[in-house]
Amino acid sequence: MSKLLGNELFGENIKKIRLSCGLTQDQTVAKLQLLGSPLSRSTYSLIEMGRGNIFINDLVGLQMVFNVSYEEFFRDIPPSRTSK
């Protein structure tokens, strides 16, 4: 399984999307687990803080849970690794 390396902007985008859907972290993780993800709430929290990496499969699950385009996860992330 492949992972995406997270960063703060990616995590902030996921949090904004989750909040716009009116979901808590616990509710989001519960929905992911119903889709077969073993993701825990503590790991999900690290992803939102930009300190955790995410499996591609879990990103697919989040796209299904939030019903947004993949572009929303990457909004305003610059191509350079040196700038925020």
PDB file of N, CA and C in Angstrom:
ATOM      1  N   MET A   1       0.837  -1.190   0.000  1.00  0.00           N
ATOM      2  CA  MET A   1       0.000   0.000   0.000  1.00  0.00           C
ATOM      3  C   MET A   1       0.876   1.246   0.000  1.00  0.00           C
ATOM      4  N   SER A   2       0.474   2.217  -0.753  1.00  0.00           N
ATOM      5  CA  SER A   2       1.232   3.456  -0.862  1.00  0.00           C
ATOM      6  C   SER A   2       0.656   4.529   0.038  1.00  0.00           C
ATOM      7  N   LYS A   3       1.557   5.402   0.517  1.00  0.00           N
ATOM      8  CA  LYS A   3       1.158   6.515   1.377  1.00  0.00           C
ATOM      9  C   LYS A   3       1.501   7.841   0.704  1.00  0.00           C
ATOM     10  N   LEU A   4       0.733   8.849   1.067  1.00  0.00           N
ATOM     11  CA  LEU A   4       1.071  10.225   0.711  1.00  0.00           C
ATOM     12  C   LEU A   4       1.726  10.846   1.934  1.00  0.00           C
ATOM     13  N   LEU A   5       2.797  11.578   1.730  1.00  0.00           N
ATOM     14  CA  LEU A   5       3.413  12.292   2.832  1.00  0.00           C
ATOM     15  C   LEU A   5       2.591  13.548   3.097  1.00  0.00           C
ATOM     16  N   GLY A   6       2.110  13.681   4.306  1.00  0.00           N
ATOM     17  CA  GLY A   6       1.273  14.819   4.646  1.00  0.00           C
ATOM     18  C   GLY A   6       2.070  16.080   4.903  1.00  0.00           C
ATOM     19  N   ASN A   7       1.372  17.203   4.887  1.00  0.00           N
ATOM     20  CA  ASN A   7       1.946  18.465   5.318  1.00  0.00           C
ATOM     21  C   ASN A   7       0.831  19.299   5.931  1.00  0.00           C
ATOM     22  N   GLU A   8       1.185  20.455   6.478  1.00  0.00           N
ATOM     23  CA  GLU A   8       0.204  21.267   7.195  1.00  0.00           C
ATOM     24  C   GLU A   8      -0.954  21.712   6.313  1.00  0.00           C
ATOM     25  N   LEU A   9      -0.672  22.153   5.099  1.00  0.00           N
ATOM     26  CA  LEU A   9      -1.751  22.622   4.221  1.00  0.00           C
ATOM     27  C   LEU A   9      -2.696  21.494   3.837  1.00  0.00           C
ATOM     28  N   PHE A  10      -2.161  20.332   3.561  1.00  0.00           N
ATOM     29  CA  PHE A  10      -2.979  19.170   3.249  1.00  0.00           C
ATOM     30  C   PHE A  10      -3.886  18.844   4.435  1.00  0.00           C
ATOM     31  N   GLY A  11      -3.312  18.840   5.628  1.00  0.00           N
ATOM     32  CA  GLY A  11      -4.084  18.570   6.842  1.00  0.00           C
ATOM     33  C   GLY A  11      -5.152  19.625   7.093  1.00  0.00           C
ATOM     34  N   GLU A  12      -4.801  20.886   6.883  1.00  0.00           N
ATOM     35  CA  GLU A  12      -5.772  21.969   7.054  1.00  0.00           C
ATOM     36  C   GLU A  12      -6.927  21.828   6.070  1.00  0.00           C
ATOM     37  N   ASN A  13      -6.610  21.439   4.835  1.00  0.00           N
ATOM     38  CA  ASN A  13      -7.654  21.246   3.836  1.00  0.00           C
ATOM     39  C   ASN A  13      -8.609  20.126   4.254  1.00  0.00           C
ATOM     40  N   ILE A  14      -8.061  19.033   4.742  1.00  0.00           N
ATOM     41  CA  ILE A  14      -8.912  17.928   5.184  1.00  0.00           C
ATOM     42  C   ILE A  14      -9.799  18.375   6.336  1.00  0.00           C
ATOM     43  N   LYS A  15      -9.226  19.118   7.276  1.00  0.00           N
ATOM     44  CA  LYS A  15     -10.019  19.594   8.414  1.00  0.00           C
ATOM     45  C   LYS A  15     -11.138  20.527   7.955  1.00  0.00           C
ATOM     46  N   LYS A  16     -10.829  21.456   7.056  1.00  0.00           N
ATOM     47  CA  LYS A  16     -11.851  22.381   6.545  1.00  0.00           C
ATOM     48  C   LYS A  16     -12.984  21.618   5.863  1.00  0.00           C
ATOM     49  N   ILE A  17     -12.616  20.636   5.065  1.00  0.00           N
ATOM     50  CA  ILE A  17     -13.632  19.840   4.372  1.00  0.00           C
ATOM     51  C   ILE A  17     -14.501  19.097   5.386  1.00  0.00           C
ATOM     52  N   ARG A  18     -13.851  18.484   6.375  1.00  0.00           N
ATOM     53  CA  ARG A  18     -14.597  17.745   7.398  1.00  0.00           C
ATOM     54  C   ARG A  18     -15.570  18.656   8.120  1.00  0.00           C
ATOM     55  N   LEU A  19     -15.104  19.833   8.529  1.00  0.00           N
ATOM     56  CA  LEU A  19     -15.966  20.771   9.246  1.00  0.00           C
ATOM     57  C   LEU A  19     -17.111  21.262   8.365  1.00  0.00           C
ATOM     58  N   SER A  20     -16.833  21.476   7.084  1.00  0.00           N
ATOM     59  CA  SER A  20     -17.900  21.925   6.175  1.00  0.00           C
ATOM     60  C   SER A  20     -18.959  20.843   5.989  1.00  0.00           C
ATOM     61  N   CYS A  21     -18.579  19.600   6.226  1.00  0.00           N
ATOM     62  CA  CYS A  21     -19.536  18.481   6.152  1.00  0.00           C
ATOM     63  C   CYS A  21     -20.271  18.282   7.479  1.00  0.00           C
ATOM     64  N   GLY A  22     -19.864  19.042   8.508  1.00  0.00           N
ATOM     65  CA  GLY A  22     -20.509  18.930   9.812  1.00  0.00           C
ATOM     66  C   GLY A  22     -20.168  17.654  10.558  1.00  0.00           C
ATOM     67  N   LEU A  23     -18.978  17.116  10.319  1.00  0.00           N
ATOM     68  CA  LEU A  23     -18.565  15.869  10.952  1.00  0.00           C
ATOM     69  C   LEU A  23     -17.478  16.105  11.993  1.00  0.00           C
ATOM     70  N   THR A  24     -17.495  15.299  13.040  1.00  0.00           N
ATOM     71  CA  THR A  24     -16.402  15.282  14.006  1.00  0.00           C
ATOM     72  C   THR A  24     -15.334  14.315  13.495  1.00  0.00           C
ATOM     73  N   GLN A  25     -14.181  14.344  14.119  1.00  0.00           N
ATOM     74  CA  GLN A  25     -13.156  13.366  13.758  1.00  0.00           C
ATOM     75  C   GLN A  25     -13.657  11.953  14.018  1.00  0.00           C
ATOM     76  N   ASP A  26     -14.323  11.739  15.141  1.00  0.00           N
ATOM     77  CA  ASP A  26     -14.838  10.407  15.470  1.00  0.00           C
ATOM     78  C   ASP A  26     -15.842   9.927  14.421  1.00  0.00           C
ATOM     79  N   GLN A  27     -16.732  10.801  13.983  1.00  0.00           N
ATOM     80  CA  GLN A  27     -17.721  10.427  12.969  1.00  0.00           C
ATOM     81  C   GLN A  27     -17.046  10.105  11.640  1.00  0.00           C
ATOM     82  N   THR A  28     -16.048  10.898  11.285  1.00  0.00           N
ATOM     83  CA  THR A  28     -15.319  10.673  10.030  1.00  0.00           C
ATOM     84  C   THR A  28     -14.630   9.319  10.053  1.00  0.00           C
ATOM     85  N   VAL A  29     -13.933   9.033  11.147  1.00  0.00           N
ATOM     86  CA  VAL A  29     -13.220   7.762  11.265  1.00  0.00           C
ATOM     87  C   VAL A  29     -14.204   6.592  11.265  1.00  0.00           C
ATOM     88  N   ALA A  30     -15.345   6.755  11.931  1.00  0.00           N
ATOM     89  CA  ALA A  30     -16.351   5.687  11.944  1.00  0.00           C
ATOM     90  C   ALA A  30     -16.840   5.389  10.528  1.00  0.00           C
ATOM     91  N   LYS A  31     -17.061   6.425   9.729  1.00  0.00           N
ATOM     92  CA  LYS A  31     -17.489   6.238   8.341  1.00  0.00           C
ATOM     93  C   LYS A  31     -16.391   5.556   7.520  1.00  0.00           C
ATOM     94  N   LEU A  32     -15.138   5.935   7.753  1.00  0.00           N
ATOM     95  CA  LEU A  32     -14.025   5.279   7.060  1.00  0.00           C
ATOM     96  C   LEU A  32     -13.941   3.808   7.452  1.00  0.00           C
ATOM     97  N   GLN A  33     -14.132   3.517   8.722  1.00  0.00           N
ATOM     98  CA  GLN A  33     -14.069   2.139   9.184  1.00  0.00           C
ATOM     99  C   GLN A  33     -15.181   1.291   8.580  1.00  0.00           C
ATOM    100  N   LEU A  34     -16.355   1.884   8.361  1.00  0.00           N
ATOM    101  CA  LEU A  34     -17.435   1.163   7.684  1.00  0.00           C
ATOM    102  C   LEU A  34     -17.052   0.805   6.245  1.00  0.00           C
ATOM    103  N   LEU A  35     -16.162   1.608   5.661  1.00  0.00           N
ATOM    104  CA  LEU A  35     -15.666   1.341   4.313  1.00  0.00           C
ATOM    105  C   LEU A  35     -14.494   0.352   4.315  1.00  0.00           C
ATOM    106  N   GLY A  36     -14.058  -0.070   5.513  1.00  0.00           N
ATOM    107  CA  GLY A  36     -12.988  -1.058   5.618  1.00  0.00           C
ATOM    108  C   GLY A  36     -11.642  -0.525   6.051  1.00  0.00           C
ATOM    109  N   SER A  37     -11.552   0.764   6.362  1.00  0.00           N
ATOM    110  CA  SER A  37     -10.280   1.343   6.800  1.00  0.00           C
ATOM    111  C   SER A  37     -10.028   1.042   8.279  1.00  0.00           C
ATOM    112  N   PRO A  38      -8.790   0.678   8.635  1.00  0.00           N
ATOM    113  CA  PRO A  38      -8.458   0.472  10.048  1.00  0.00           C
ATOM    114  C   PRO A  38      -7.972   1.755  10.732  1.00  0.00           C
ATOM    115  N   LEU A  39      -8.128   2.902  10.080  1.00  0.00           N
ATOM    116  CA  LEU A  39      -7.620   4.174  10.599  1.00  0.00           C
ATOM    117  C   LEU A  39      -8.222   4.483  11.974  1.00  0.00           C
ATOM    118  N   SER A  40      -7.369   4.880  12.913  1.00  0.00           N
ATOM    119  CA  SER A  40      -7.842   5.268  14.247  1.00  0.00           C
ATOM    120  C   SER A  40      -8.049   6.783  14.307  1.00  0.00           C
ATOM    121  N   ARG A  41      -8.775   7.245  15.311  1.00  0.00           N
ATOM    122  CA  ARG A  41      -9.008   8.671  15.460  1.00  0.00           C
ATOM    123  C   ARG A  41      -7.707   9.395  15.745  1.00  0.00           C
ATOM    124  N   SER A  42      -6.822   8.800  16.525  1.00  0.00           N
ATOM    125  CA  SER A  42      -5.556   9.467  16.845  1.00  0.00           C
ATOM    126  C   SER A  42      -4.681   9.612  15.597  1.00  0.00           C
ATOM    127  N   THR A  43      -4.664   8.620  14.738  1.00  0.00           N
ATOM    128  CA  THR A  43      -3.915   8.723  13.487  1.00  0.00           C
ATOM    129  C   THR A  43      -4.545   9.756  12.570  1.00  0.00           C
ATOM    130  N   TYR A  44      -5.876   9.770  12.508  1.00  0.00           N
ATOM    131  CA  TYR A  44      -6.578  10.756  11.688  1.00  0.00           C
ATOM    132  C   TYR A  44      -6.253  12.170  12.172  1.00  0.00           C
ATOM    133  N   SER A  45      -6.208  12.345  13.484  1.00  0.00           N
ATOM    134  CA  SER A  45      -5.884  13.649  14.056  1.00  0.00           C
ATOM    135  C   SER A  45      -4.494  14.104  13.618  1.00  0.00           C
ATOM    136  N   LEU A  46      -3.539  13.197  13.600  1.00  0.00           N
ATOM    137  CA  LEU A  46      -2.184  13.537  13.153  1.00  0.00           C
ATOM    138  C   LEU A  46      -2.182  13.980  11.692  1.00  0.00           C
ATOM    139  N   ILE A  47      -3.007  13.345  10.875  1.00  0.00           N
ATOM    140  CA  ILE A  47      -3.105  13.720   9.463  1.00  0.00           C
ATOM    141  C   ILE A  47      -3.617  15.153   9.346  1.00  0.00           C
ATOM    142  N   GLU A  48      -4.663  15.473  10.111  1.00  0.00           N
ATOM    143  CA  GLU A  48      -5.210  16.838  10.062  1.00  0.00           C
ATOM    144  C   GLU A  48      -4.213  17.876  10.560  1.00  0.00           C
ATOM    145  N   MET A  49      -3.345  17.492  11.473  1.00  0.00           N
ATOM    146  CA  MET A  49      -2.336  18.420  11.986  1.00  0.00           C
ATOM    147  C   MET A  49      -1.133  18.528  11.053  1.00  0.00           C
ATOM    148  N   GLY A  50      -1.108  17.721   9.998  1.00  0.00           N
ATOM    149  CA  GLY A  50       0.010  17.745   9.063  1.00  0.00           C
ATOM    150  C   GLY A  50       1.221  16.986   9.557  1.00  0.00           C
ATOM    151  N   ARG A  51       1.026  16.168  10.574  1.00  0.00           N
ATOM    152  CA  ARG A  51       2.143  15.415  11.146  1.00  0.00           C
ATOM    153  C   ARG A  51       2.057  13.926  10.858  1.00  0.00           C
ATOM    154  N   GLY A  52       1.016  13.526  10.134  1.00  0.00           N
ATOM    155  CA  GLY A  52       0.847  12.116   9.806  1.00  0.00           C
ATOM    156  C   GLY A  52       0.691  11.919   8.313  1.00  0.00           C
ATOM    157  N   ASN A  53       1.047  10.749   7.858  1.00  0.00           N
ATOM    158  CA  ASN A  53       0.899  10.396   6.454  1.00  0.00           C
ATOM    159  C   ASN A  53      -0.399   9.622   6.285  1.00  0.00           C
ATOM    160  N   ILE A  54      -0.907   9.583   5.066  1.00  0.00           N
ATOM    161  CA  ILE A  54      -2.185   8.936   4.815  1.00  0.00           C
ATOM    162  C   ILE A  54      -2.032   7.900   3.707  1.00  0.00           C
ATOM    163  N   PHE A  55      -2.625   6.740   3.916  1.00  0.00           N
ATOM    164  CA  PHE A  55      -2.659   5.733   2.862  1.00  0.00           C
ATOM    165  C   PHE A  55      -3.557   6.233   1.739  1.00  0.00           C
ATOM    166  N   ILE A  56      -3.166   5.944   0.521  1.00  0.00           N
ATOM    167  CA  ILE A  56      -3.957   6.335  -0.643  1.00  0.00           C
ATOM    168  C   ILE A  56      -5.385   5.800  -0.502  1.00  0.00           C
ATOM    169  N   ASN A  57      -5.527   4.572  -0.006  1.00  0.00           N
ATOM    170  CA  ASN A  57      -6.847   3.970   0.169  1.00  0.00           C
ATOM    171  C   ASN A  57      -7.712   4.810   1.111  1.00  0.00           C
ATOM    172  N   ASP A  58      -7.106   5.363   2.154  1.00  0.00           N
ATOM    173  CA  ASP A  58      -7.862   6.191   3.096  1.00  0.00           C
ATOM    174  C   ASP A  58      -8.254   7.523   2.464  1.00  0.00           C
ATOM    175  N   LEU A  59      -7.420   8.052   1.574  1.00  0.00           N
ATOM    176  CA  LEU A  59      -7.783   9.275   0.861  1.00  0.00           C
ATOM    177  C   LEU A  59      -8.986   9.015  -0.051  1.00  0.00           C
ATOM    178  N   VAL A  60      -8.998   7.851  -0.686  1.00  0.00           N
ATOM    179  CA  VAL A  60     -10.146   7.469  -1.506  1.00  0.00           C
ATOM    180  C   VAL A  60     -11.396   7.392  -0.624  1.00  0.00           C
ATOM    181  N   GLY A  61     -11.239   6.810   0.566  1.00  0.00           N
ATOM    182  CA  GLY A  61     -12.360   6.739   1.498  1.00  0.00           C
ATOM    183  C   GLY A  61     -12.838   8.108   1.930  1.00  0.00           C
ATOM    184  N   LEU A  62     -11.908   9.017   2.208  1.00  0.00           N
ATOM    185  CA  LEU A  62     -12.298  10.373   2.599  1.00  0.00           C
ATOM    186  C   LEU A  62     -13.036  11.081   1.473  1.00  0.00           C
ATOM    187  N   GLN A  63     -12.601  10.856   0.252  1.00  0.00           N
ATOM    188  CA  GLN A  63     -13.288  11.463  -0.887  1.00  0.00           C
ATOM    189  C   GLN A  63     -14.731  10.970  -0.942  1.00  0.00           C
ATOM    190  N   MET A  64     -14.941   9.700  -0.643  1.00  0.00           N
ATOM    191  CA  MET A  64     -16.293   9.140  -0.636  1.00  0.00           C
ATOM    192  C   MET A  64     -17.109   9.680   0.530  1.00  0.00           C
ATOM    193  N   VAL A  65     -16.510   9.746   1.717  1.00  0.00           N
ATOM    194  CA  VAL A  65     -17.205  10.234   2.912  1.00  0.00           C
ATOM    195  C   VAL A  65     -17.597  11.701   2.755  1.00  0.00           C
ATOM    196  N   PHE A  66     -16.655  12.520   2.268  1.00  0.00           N
ATOM    197  CA  PHE A  66     -16.900  13.956   2.159  1.00  0.00           C
ATOM    198  C   PHE A  66     -17.620  14.340   0.863  1.00  0.00           C
ATOM    199  N   ASN A  67     -17.596  13.443  -0.123  1.00  0.00           N
ATOM    200  CA  ASN A  67     -18.235  13.696  -1.418  1.00  0.00           C
ATOM    201  C   ASN A  67     -17.726  14.997  -2.049  1.00  0.00           C
ATOM    202  N   VAL A  68     -16.394  15.107  -2.122  1.00  0.00           N
ATOM    203  CA  VAL A  68     -15.747  16.260  -2.744  1.00  0.00           C
ATOM    204  C   VAL A  68     -14.792  15.756  -3.821  1.00  0.00           C
ATOM    205  N   SER A  69     -14.339  16.662  -4.670  1.00  0.00           N
ATOM    206  CA  SER A  69     -13.336  16.283  -5.669  1.00  0.00           C
ATOM    207  C   SER A  69     -11.973  16.174  -4.985  1.00  0.00           C
ATOM    208  N   TYR A  70     -11.098  15.395  -5.579  1.00  0.00           N
ATOM    209  CA  TYR A  70      -9.754  15.242  -5.018  1.00  0.00           C
ATOM    210  C   TYR A  70      -9.009  16.575  -4.977  1.00  0.00           C
ATOM    211  N   GLU A  71      -9.331  17.463  -5.891  1.00  0.00           N
ATOM    212  CA  GLU A  71      -8.666  18.765  -5.934  1.00  0.00           C
ATOM    213  C   GLU A  71      -8.826  19.526  -4.617  1.00  0.00           C
ATOM    214  N   GLU A  72      -9.933  19.312  -3.927  1.00  0.00           N
ATOM    215  CA  GLU A  72     -10.177  20.006  -2.657  1.00  0.00           C
ATOM    216  C   GLU A  72      -9.123  19.655  -1.611  1.00  0.00           C
ATOM    217  N   PHE A  73      -8.614  18.442  -1.634  1.00  0.00           N
ATOM    218  CA  PHE A  73      -7.599  18.023  -0.662  1.00  0.00           C
ATOM    219  C   PHE A  73      -6.272  18.763  -0.894  1.00  0.00           C
ATOM    220  N   PHE A  74      -6.038  19.173  -2.134  1.00  0.00           N
ATOM    221  CA  PHE A  74      -4.751  19.772  -2.499  1.00  0.00           C
ATOM    222  C   PHE A  74      -4.838  21.266  -2.770  1.00  0.00           C
ATOM    223  N   ARG A  75      -5.946  21.893  -2.427  1.00  0.00           N
ATOM    224  CA  ARG A  75      -6.162  23.324  -2.676  1.00  0.00           C
ATOM    225  C   ARG A  75      -5.076  24.167  -2.006  1.00  0.00           C
ATOM    226  N   ASP A  76      -4.519  25.102  -2.778  1.00  0.00           N
ATOM    227  CA  ASP A  76      -3.526  26.086  -2.310  1.00  0.00           C
ATOM    228  C   ASP A  76      -2.194  25.483  -1.871  1.00  0.00           C
ATOM    229  N   ILE A  77      -1.927  24.239  -2.218  1.00  0.00           N
ATOM    230  CA  ILE A  77      -0.630  23.649  -1.893  1.00  0.00           C
ATOM    231  C   ILE A  77       0.326  23.977  -3.037  1.00  0.00           C
ATOM    232  N   PRO A  78       1.413  24.685  -2.732  1.00  0.00           N
ATOM    233  CA  PRO A  78       2.355  25.080  -3.791  1.00  0.00           C
ATOM    234  C   PRO A  78       3.185  23.884  -4.256  1.00  0.00           C
ATOM    235  N   PRO A  79       3.715  23.947  -5.464  1.00  0.00           N
ATOM    236  CA  PRO A  79       4.543  22.850  -5.975  1.00  0.00           C
ATOM    237  C   PRO A  79       5.906  22.759  -5.305  1.00  0.00           C
ATOM    238  N   SER A  80       6.332  23.834  -4.665  1.00  0.00           N
ATOM    239  CA  SER A  80       7.638  23.842  -4.014  1.00  0.00           C
ATOM    240  C   SER A  80       7.534  23.272  -2.613  1.00  0.00           C
ATOM    241  N   ARG A  81       8.499  22.429  -2.247  1.00  0.00           N
ATOM    242  CA  ARG A  81       8.518  21.854  -0.898  1.00  0.00           C
ATOM    243  C   ARG A  81       9.075  22.816   0.136  1.00  0.00           C
ATOM    244  N   THR A  82       9.670  23.911  -0.303  1.00  0.00           N
ATOM    245  CA  THR A  82      10.313  24.821   0.639  1.00  0.00           C
ATOM    246  C   THR A  82       9.373  25.896   1.170  1.00  0.00           C
ATOM    247  N   SER A  83       8.220  26.102   0.526  1.00  0.00           N
ATOM    248  CA  SER A  83       7.305  27.135   1.004  1.00  0.00           C
ATOM    249  C   SER A  83       6.026  26.492   1.503  1.00  0.00           C
ATOM    250  N   LYS A  84       5.324  27.220   2.404  1.00  0.00           N
ATOM    251  CA  LYS A  84       4.089  26.704   2.968  1.00  0.00           C
ATOM    252  C   LYS A  84       2.928  27.026   2.083  1.00  0.00           C
TER     253      LYS A  84
END
